[in-house]
Amino acid sequence: MPKDAAVDEFAGLVRTLKARDGRSYEALGRRLSVSASTLHRYCSGATVPEEFAVIDRLARLCGADEEERRALQAAWTEAERARRRAASPAPPPVPTMSAAPESNPEPSAPEPGPGPAPDPSAPDPSAPDLSAPEAPRARPRRGAPAPLLVTAAVALVVLALAALLGHPTRRASAPAPASPPPGRTAASLPFTWSIGSQLWEGGCGHTYLVDRAPRAVAAPPVAADAGAWAGTHGAVHGGEALVRITVQGRSQSDAVVLHALHVRVVDRAAPLLWNAYRMDDGCGGAVTPRHFAVDLDRPRPLARPVDGLDASGAEVRKIPAVSFPYKVTSSDPEELLVFARTAACDCRWYLELEWSAGGRTGTVRITDGGKPFRTSGAKGRPAYVHDSAEGRWITDSDSGQTG
């Protein structure tokens, strides 16, 4: 299928940035915490990143000015729309209705012969009789909605019983209230936020738990298409989940202060007894980004800031962890990367970000499209890697790996 013109235009701008910098795909990928093959796919137009943040980092790294970055973001927006259109299934054709022939048409009544001429003084039977009293109008029935209310109440009771009977072993905390979609939390907020919840460590390594046999699981996707692959297979993060939160102020002069990041676990259950599928045979990079480490197995998990490391140069350089309070503006956004790990539970959890600006304070709930994030322990589960040569999933023992 030929690529969309918007995708080609975006890929051309990315190639221009890469050519200007002069470094190899591998060297730039280490700086951006993505694999060389992923960056090459961006430049060739084979795929479009789900988040603009990685391209914005590339632009800054290659010395792009503000105008170039705005043009690049506009091109990414159009390319992302084209990618979503291509990924959406075409609607089924609407069947055309044709009139069926009548097999046994009824015989038509014979046309009446000419009758006597009408009397002009006789009243017209089709004219309304103005002297007749008007028929009383029917009143609406006030009690009509009662059966609907009873039916709705019965349905709610049935659903509640089904939920309780279906999960007898779960220990639930307070449910996560609904959260507005990322970036559109509330018009009155002095900042915007977005998330990436299908990230792989280093852009290439991740484990998913899937309740399917290997023959029913598709080959691993590229990292940019992980969300669609996981959704199709009902996959759950196995052992670790990476969440990226991008926060950007609405004003360049009025800063928003981020004060703290909290973790809330709303549901714990035994780890899923599903197969573990590794997205590759393992990978490594020279850059370990700064992040927040979360141990979901603790009774009250905390988001602990951890320094990053950059080993791409002659000397290893420490990347200081995000230290609260932290300021963001429209020209100085911030990415908060969360590494949440578990070995002992099937956990559902979300994050809360405390902020203040212009004398106002508040807390934003960070969820996965309005639902809690989900991560389950994968230790001891049958693990599979994909053999690209044979086009099938094989076990760790078959591949020569262990663990």
Protein backbone atom coordinates (compact mmCIF):
# COMPACT_ATOMS: atom_id res chain seq x y z
CA MET A 1 0.00 0.00 0.00
CA PRO A 2 1.51 3.36 -0.94
CA LYS A 3 2.27 5.70 1.91
CA ASP A 4 0.12 8.73 2.50
CA ALA A 5 1.49 12.08 1.29
CA ALA A 6 1.32 13.43 4.86
CA VAL A 7 3.45 10.53 6.11
CA ASP A 8 5.99 11.12 3.32
CA GLU A 9 6.20 14.81 4.17
CA PHE A 10 6.73 14.10 7.87
CA ALA A 11 9.36 11.43 7.14
CA GLY A 12 11.20 13.87 4.86
CA LEU A 13 11.43 16.44 7.67
CA VAL A 14 12.76 13.79 10.06
CA ARG A 15 15.37 12.69 7.48
CA THR A 16 16.45 16.31 7.08
CA LEU A 17 17.02 16.60 10.83
CA LYS A 18 18.99 13.36 10.89
CA ALA A 19 21.14 14.39 7.91
CA ARG A 20 21.85 17.78 9.49
CA ASP A 21 23.12 16.15 12.68
CA GLY A 22 25.33 13.69 10.82
CA ARG A 23 25.31 10.98 13.48
CA SER A 24 24.34 7.39 12.79
CA TYR A 25 20.92 5.92 13.55
CA GLU A 26 22.45 3.98 16.43
CA ALA A 27 24.12 7.04 17.99
CA LEU A 28 20.98 9.17 17.71
CA GLY A 29 18.81 6.31 18.96
CA ARG A 30 20.93 6.04 22.11
CA ARG A 31 20.39 9.73 22.76
CA LEU A 32 16.64 9.37 22.25
CA SER A 33 16.28 6.05 24.12
CA VAL A 34 14.93 4.29 21.01
CA SER A 35 16.43 1.56 18.87
CA ALA A 36 18.26 2.34 15.63
CA SER A 37 15.68 0.34 13.65
CA THR A 38 12.81 2.35 15.17
CA LEU A 39 14.47 5.65 14.26
CA HIS A 40 15.11 4.36 10.73
CA ARG A 41 11.42 3.50 10.36
CA TYR A 42 10.51 7.07 11.34
CA CYS A 43 12.89 8.44 8.71
CA SER A 44 11.66 6.09 5.99
CA GLY A 45 7.98 6.68 6.72
CA ALA A 46 7.42 3.00 7.53
CA THR A 47 5.80 4.06 10.80
CA VAL A 48 4.76 7.21 12.62
CA PRO A 49 5.50 7.63 16.36
CA GLU A 50 2.42 7.66 18.56
CA GLU A 51 3.82 10.57 20.59
CA PHE A 52 5.47 13.73 19.26
CA ALA A 53 7.78 13.95 22.28
CA VAL A 54 10.48 11.68 20.80
CA ILE A 55 10.56 13.73 17.57
CA ASP A 56 10.66 16.95 19.56
CA ARG A 57 13.70 15.63 21.44
CA LEU A 58 15.32 14.77 18.10
CA ALA A 59 14.62 18.29 16.83
CA ARG A 60 16.20 19.87 19.91
CA LEU A 61 19.16 17.53 19.67
CA CYS A 62 19.70 18.50 16.04
CA GLY A 63 19.47 22.24 16.76
CA ALA A 64 16.03 22.96 15.26
CA ASP A 65 14.61 26.38 16.11
CA GLU A 66 11.11 27.10 17.41
CA GLU A 67 9.62 27.64 13.94
CA GLU A 68 11.04 24.36 12.63
CA ARG A 69 9.67 22.50 15.64
CA ARG A 70 6.21 23.95 15.14
CA ALA A 71 6.27 22.92 11.46
CA LEU A 72 7.48 19.47 12.46
CA GLN A 73 4.67 19.07 15.00
CA ALA A 74 2.08 20.14 12.42
CA ALA A 75 3.47 17.57 9.95
CA TRP A 76 3.45 14.88 12.67
CA THR A 77 -0.19 15.68 13.48
CA GLU A 78 -1.24 15.15 9.85
CA ALA A 79 0.87 12.00 9.52
CA GLU A 80 -0.60 10.57 12.73
CA ARG A 81 -4.11 11.20 11.41
CA ALA A 82 -3.20 9.42 8.19
CA ARG A 83 -1.79 6.48 10.18
CA ARG A 84 -4.99 6.20 12.21
CA ARG A 85 -7.12 6.34 9.07
CA ALA A 86 -5.07 3.56 7.51
CA ALA A 87 -5.33 1.44 10.67
CA SER A 88 -9.12 1.87 10.96
CA PRO A 89 -11.13 -0.87 9.20
CA ALA A 90 -13.25 0.26 6.28
CA PRO A 91 -16.99 0.31 7.03
CA PRO A 92 -18.93 -2.58 5.49
CA PRO A 93 -20.75 -1.71 2.25
CA VAL A 94 -24.40 -0.83 2.68
CA PRO A 95 -26.48 -3.37 0.78
CA THR A 96 -28.68 -1.89 -1.91
CA MET A 97 -32.37 -2.65 -1.62
CA SER A 98 -34.14 -3.73 -4.77
CA ALA A 99 -37.85 -4.14 -5.15
CA ALA A 100 -38.85 -7.78 -5.23
CA PRO A 101 -41.20 -8.76 -8.07
CA GLU A 102 -44.71 -9.61 -7.01
CA SER A 103 -45.37 -13.27 -7.57
CA ASN A 104 -49.14 -13.19 -7.11
CA PRO A 105 -50.39 -9.69 -7.73
CA GLU A 106 -53.89 -9.11 -6.49
CA PRO A 107 -56.42 -8.45 -9.25
CA SER A 108 -57.22 -4.83 -9.50
CA ALA A 109 -60.79 -3.78 -8.89
CA PRO A 110 -62.71 -2.83 -12.02
CA GLU A 111 -62.96 0.85 -12.61
CA PRO A 112 -66.44 2.12 -11.80
CA GLY A 113 -68.56 3.37 -14.64
CA PRO A 114 -69.73 6.93 -14.89
CA GLY A 115 -72.32 7.70 -12.17
CA PRO A 116 -74.90 10.42 -11.93
CA ALA A 117 -73.67 14.01 -11.92
CA PRO A 118 -73.15 15.35 -8.39
CA ASP A 119 -75.63 17.80 -6.95
CA PRO A 120 -73.91 21.16 -6.63
CA SER A 121 -76.08 22.07 -3.62
CA ALA A 122 -75.05 18.90 -1.68
CA PRO A 123 -72.27 19.28 0.91
CA ASP A 124 -68.76 18.06 0.01
CA PRO A 125 -68.12 14.86 2.02
CA SER A 126 -64.31 15.51 1.99
CA ALA A 127 -64.63 18.98 3.58
CA PRO A 128 -64.17 19.15 7.38
CA ASP A 129 -67.33 19.55 9.44
CA LEU A 130 -66.78 22.79 11.34
CA SER A 131 -69.94 22.31 13.37
CA ALA A 132 -68.81 19.01 14.90
CA PRO A 133 -67.26 19.26 18.42
CA GLU A 134 -63.49 18.83 18.61
CA ALA A 135 -62.35 15.42 19.84
CA PRO A 136 -60.60 15.57 23.26
CA ARG A 137 -56.81 15.32 23.11
CA ALA A 138 -55.11 12.37 24.77
CA ARG A 139 -53.17 13.29 27.89
CA PRO A 140 -49.66 11.91 28.34
CA ARG A 141 -49.40 9.11 30.87
CA ARG A 142 -47.34 10.20 33.83
CA GLY A 143 -46.59 6.71 35.03
CA ALA A 144 -45.04 5.47 31.76
CA PRO A 145 -41.33 5.62 32.85
CA ALA A 146 -41.95 3.41 35.92
CA PRO A 147 -41.36 0.08 34.10
CA LEU A 148 -38.11 1.49 32.67
CA LEU A 149 -36.88 2.47 36.14
CA VAL A 150 -37.70 -0.98 37.51
CA THR A 151 -35.92 -2.66 34.60
CA ALA A 152 -32.82 -0.46 35.04
CA ALA A 153 -32.72 -1.18 38.79
CA VAL A 154 -32.93 -4.95 38.18
CA ALA A 155 -30.16 -4.74 35.57
CA LEU A 156 -27.87 -2.88 37.99
CA VAL A 157 -28.43 -5.52 40.69
CA VAL A 158 -27.69 -8.34 38.23
CA LEU A 159 -24.48 -6.65 37.05
CA ALA A 160 -23.32 -6.08 40.63
CA LEU A 161 -23.92 -9.73 41.55
CA ALA A 162 -22.12 -10.88 38.39
CA ALA A 163 -19.12 -8.74 39.22
CA LEU A 164 -18.92 -10.06 42.79
CA LEU A 165 -19.29 -13.69 41.73
CA GLY A 166 -16.82 -13.31 38.86
CA HIS A 167 -13.94 -12.03 41.04
CA PRO A 168 -14.22 -13.69 44.44
CA THR A 169 -10.47 -13.50 45.23
CA ARG A 170 -9.84 -9.81 44.45
CA ARG A 171 -9.07 -7.38 47.23
CA ALA A 172 -10.30 -4.02 46.05
CA SER A 173 -9.40 -0.65 47.45
CA ALA A 174 -11.26 2.54 46.63
CA PRO A 175 -12.26 2.49 42.94
CA ALA A 176 -10.48 4.85 40.58
CA PRO A 177 -12.83 7.69 39.68
CA ALA A 178 -13.27 8.42 36.02
CA SER A 179 -10.55 10.55 34.47
CA PRO A 180 -10.93 12.80 31.41
CA PRO A 181 -8.90 11.91 28.30
CA PRO A 182 -5.21 12.96 28.31
CA GLY A 183 -4.53 16.51 27.20
CA ARG A 184 -8.20 17.47 27.60
CA THR A 185 -8.51 17.21 31.38
CA ALA A 186 -10.22 20.55 31.87
CA ALA A 187 -10.20 23.80 30.00
CA SER A 188 -9.41 25.67 33.22
CA LEU A 189 -6.19 23.76 33.94
CA PRO A 190 -3.07 25.91 33.45
CA PHE A 191 -1.28 23.03 31.72
CA THR A 192 -1.86 20.07 29.42
CA TRP A 193 -0.73 16.48 29.87
CA SER A 194 -0.53 13.34 27.76
CA ILE A 195 0.67 9.80 28.37
CA GLY A 196 2.35 6.92 26.61
CA SER A 197 1.40 3.63 28.27
CA GLN A 198 2.73 1.08 25.76
CA LEU A 199 6.45 1.82 26.05
CA TRP A 200 9.27 -0.68 25.84
CA GLU A 201 12.52 -0.38 27.74
CA GLY A 202 15.14 0.99 25.38
CA GLY A 203 12.48 1.03 22.66
CA CYS A 204 12.84 -2.69 22.04
CA GLY A 205 12.46 -4.90 25.14
CA HIS A 206 9.16 -5.75 26.82
CA THR A 207 7.07 -8.68 28.05
CA TYR A 208 3.31 -9.08 27.64
CA LEU A 209 1.04 -11.66 29.25
CA VAL A 210 -1.54 -13.04 26.81
CA ASP A 211 -4.24 -15.63 27.47
CA ARG A 212 -3.64 -17.39 24.15
CA ALA A 213 -1.64 -20.29 22.81
CA PRO A 214 1.45 -19.35 20.74
CA ARG A 215 -0.20 -20.30 17.45
CA ALA A 216 -2.95 -17.73 18.11
CA VAL A 217 -0.54 -14.84 18.80
CA ALA A 218 0.70 -12.58 16.01
CA ALA A 219 4.36 -11.73 15.51
CA PRO A 220 5.75 -8.90 17.68
CA PRO A 221 4.95 -5.42 16.35
CA VAL A 222 7.32 -2.48 16.11
CA ALA A 223 7.27 -0.41 19.29
CA ALA A 224 5.13 2.33 17.71
CA ASP A 225 2.34 -0.19 17.03
CA ALA A 226 2.46 -1.86 20.46
CA GLY A 227 -0.83 -0.33 21.57
CA ALA A 228 -2.81 -1.83 18.69
CA TRP A 229 -1.12 -5.24 19.12
CA ALA A 230 -1.78 -5.30 22.87
CA GLY A 231 -5.41 -4.26 22.39
CA THR A 232 -6.05 -6.94 19.78
CA HIS A 233 -4.62 -9.67 22.01
CA GLY A 234 -5.99 -8.42 25.34
CA ALA A 235 -2.39 -8.25 26.55
CA VAL A 236 -1.31 -7.14 30.03
CA HIS A 237 2.12 -5.77 30.95
CA GLY A 238 4.16 -8.63 32.37
CA GLY A 239 6.36 -7.81 35.37
CA GLU A 240 6.93 -4.18 34.42
CA ALA A 241 5.04 -1.27 32.88
CA LEU A 242 6.57 1.96 31.57
CA VAL A 243 4.42 5.09 31.56
CA ARG A 244 5.55 8.43 30.14
CA ILE A 245 3.72 11.59 31.27
CA THR A 246 4.38 14.74 29.24
CA VAL A 247 3.40 17.95 31.06
CA GLN A 248 3.42 21.35 29.35
CA GLY A 249 2.27 24.75 30.64
CA ARG A 250 -0.17 26.89 28.69
CA SER A 251 1.78 30.11 29.27
CA GLN A 252 5.42 30.97 28.68
CA SER A 253 5.55 33.51 31.51
CA ASP A 254 3.33 31.89 34.18
CA ALA A 255 5.01 28.69 35.34
CA VAL A 256 3.15 25.69 36.74
CA VAL A 257 4.82 24.08 39.74
CA LEU A 258 4.64 20.27 40.01
CA HIS A 259 4.89 19.27 43.67
CA ALA A 260 4.57 15.47 43.91
CA LEU A 261 3.64 12.26 42.10
CA HIS A 262 1.59 9.70 44.04
CA VAL A 263 0.73 6.06 43.28
CA ARG A 264 -2.71 4.62 44.05
CA VAL A 265 -3.35 0.86 43.79
CA VAL A 266 -7.09 0.22 43.45
CA ASP A 267 -7.13 -3.56 42.96
CA ARG A 268 -4.83 -6.48 43.79
CA ALA A 269 -5.22 -10.12 42.78
CA ALA A 270 -3.01 -13.14 42.23
CA PRO A 271 -0.73 -12.87 39.17
CA LEU A 272 -2.32 -13.95 35.89
CA LEU A 273 -1.70 -17.56 34.84
CA TRP A 274 -1.11 -16.59 31.21
CA ASN A 275 1.74 -17.16 28.77
CA ALA A 276 4.52 -14.56 28.66
CA TYR A 277 5.55 -13.24 25.22
CA ARG A 278 8.78 -11.29 24.89
CA MET A 279 8.86 -8.70 22.18
CA ASP A 280 12.48 -9.45 21.25
CA ASP A 281 15.51 -11.41 22.38
CA GLY A 282 16.70 -8.59 24.63
CA CYS A 283 18.37 -5.31 23.86
CA GLY A 284 20.46 -2.69 25.54
CA GLY A 285 21.29 0.94 25.10
CA ALA A 286 23.89 3.40 26.22
CA VAL A 287 21.30 5.71 27.78
CA THR A 288 19.27 4.90 30.88
CA PRO A 289 16.71 7.71 31.25
CA ARG A 290 15.96 9.28 34.60
CA HIS A 291 12.71 7.91 35.96
CA PHE A 292 10.48 7.15 38.93
CA ALA A 293 10.71 3.59 40.24
CA VAL A 294 7.50 2.12 41.67
CA ASP A 295 7.31 -1.19 43.56
CA LEU A 296 3.67 -2.22 43.24
CA ASP A 297 4.17 -5.12 45.68
CA ARG A 298 4.60 -2.72 48.61
CA PRO A 299 1.50 -1.98 50.73
CA ARG A 300 1.83 1.73 49.92
CA PRO A 301 3.89 2.16 46.75
CA LEU A 302 5.91 5.34 46.31
CA ALA A 303 7.25 6.99 43.15
CA ARG A 304 10.98 7.08 43.95
CA PRO A 305 13.12 9.38 41.71
CA VAL A 306 16.13 7.61 40.14
CA ASP A 307 19.05 9.20 38.26
CA GLY A 308 19.66 8.30 34.64
CA LEU A 309 22.97 7.44 32.97
CA ASP A 310 24.38 8.46 29.59
CA ALA A 311 27.21 6.19 28.48
CA SER A 312 27.20 7.23 24.83
CA GLY A 313 30.25 9.48 25.21
CA ALA A 314 33.81 8.91 26.36
CA GLU A 315 32.71 9.22 29.99
CA VAL A 316 29.55 8.08 31.72
CA ARG A 317 27.42 11.10 32.57
CA LYS A 318 24.76 11.13 35.27
CA ILE A 319 21.33 12.50 34.34
CA PRO A 320 19.90 14.00 37.56
CA ALA A 321 16.49 12.70 38.57
CA VAL A 322 13.45 14.97 38.55
CA SER A 323 13.36 16.70 41.93
CA PHE A 324 10.08 18.14 43.15
CA PRO A 325 8.99 20.90 43.14
CA TYR A 326 9.53 21.27 39.39
CA LYS A 327 8.42 24.09 37.07
CA VAL A 328 7.00 23.76 33.55
CA THR A 329 5.94 26.38 31.00
CA SER A 330 4.72 26.33 27.40
CA SER A 331 8.31 26.50 26.15
CA ASP A 332 9.80 24.21 28.80
CA PRO A 333 7.76 20.99 29.10
CA GLU A 334 8.79 17.99 31.18
CA GLU A 335 8.56 14.23 30.74
CA LEU A 336 8.02 12.06 33.78
CA LEU A 337 8.90 8.42 33.13
CA VAL A 338 7.50 5.81 35.54
CA PHE A 339 8.86 2.25 35.82
CA ALA A 340 6.26 0.22 37.76
CA ARG A 341 7.22 -3.34 38.66
CA THR A 342 5.48 -6.27 40.33
CA ALA A 343 6.19 -9.96 40.90
CA ALA A 344 3.39 -10.89 43.30
CA CYS A 345 0.15 -9.34 42.08
CA ASP A 346 -2.15 -8.52 39.21
CA CYS A 347 -2.33 -4.82 40.07
CA ARG A 348 -4.58 -2.05 38.80
CA TRP A 349 -3.23 1.38 39.64
CA TYR A 350 -3.15 5.04 38.68
CA LEU A 351 -1.10 8.17 39.43
CA GLU A 352 -1.88 11.55 40.96
CA LEU A 353 0.11 14.69 40.10
CA GLU A 354 -0.04 17.62 42.53
CA TRP A 355 0.36 21.12 41.04
CA SER A 356 0.00 24.81 41.80
CA ALA A 357 -0.10 27.95 39.65
CA GLY A 358 -1.21 31.56 40.14
CA GLY A 359 -2.49 31.00 43.66
CA ARG A 360 -4.39 27.85 42.65
CA THR A 361 -3.67 24.27 43.68
CA GLY A 362 -4.97 20.94 42.47
CA THR A 363 -4.39 17.26 41.78
CA VAL A 364 -4.67 15.59 38.36
CA ARG A 365 -5.45 11.90 38.15
CA ILE A 366 -3.31 10.15 35.51
CA THR A 367 -5.00 7.06 34.06
CA ASP A 368 -4.85 4.95 30.92
CA GLY A 369 -7.64 6.53 28.91
CA GLY A 370 -9.93 6.74 31.94
CA LYS A 371 -9.07 3.24 33.21
CA PRO A 372 -6.39 2.19 35.74
CA PHE A 373 -3.07 0.93 34.43
CA ARG A 374 -2.65 -2.84 34.77
CA THR A 375 0.52 -4.81 35.49
CA SER A 376 0.81 -8.46 36.51
CA GLY A 377 3.71 -10.53 37.76
CA ALA A 378 5.16 -12.87 35.13
CA LYS A 379 7.61 -14.94 37.17
CA GLY A 380 7.34 -18.66 36.46
CA ARG A 381 5.02 -18.28 33.49
CA PRO A 382 5.79 -20.12 30.21
CA ALA A 383 7.89 -17.63 28.24
CA TYR A 384 8.12 -17.38 24.46
CA VAL A 385 10.26 -15.43 22.00
CA HIS A 386 9.57 -15.06 18.29
CA ASP A 387 11.71 -16.87 15.75
CA SER A 388 11.60 -14.52 12.76
CA ALA A 389 13.30 -17.07 10.51
CA GLU A 390 10.59 -19.69 11.06
CA GLY A 391 7.80 -17.18 11.69
CA ARG A 392 6.62 -18.74 14.95
CA TRP A 393 6.87 -18.40 18.73
CA ILE A 394 9.35 -20.70 20.45
CA THR A 395 10.16 -21.30 24.13
CA ASP A 396 13.18 -19.90 25.90
CA SER A 397 14.76 -23.34 26.00
CA ASP A 398 14.35 -23.67 22.21
CA SER A 399 15.98 -20.28 21.68
CA GLY A 400 18.88 -20.98 24.04
CA GLN A 401 17.75 -18.38 26.59
CA THR A 402 16.85 -18.91 30.20
CA GLY A 403 14.61 -17.05 32.67
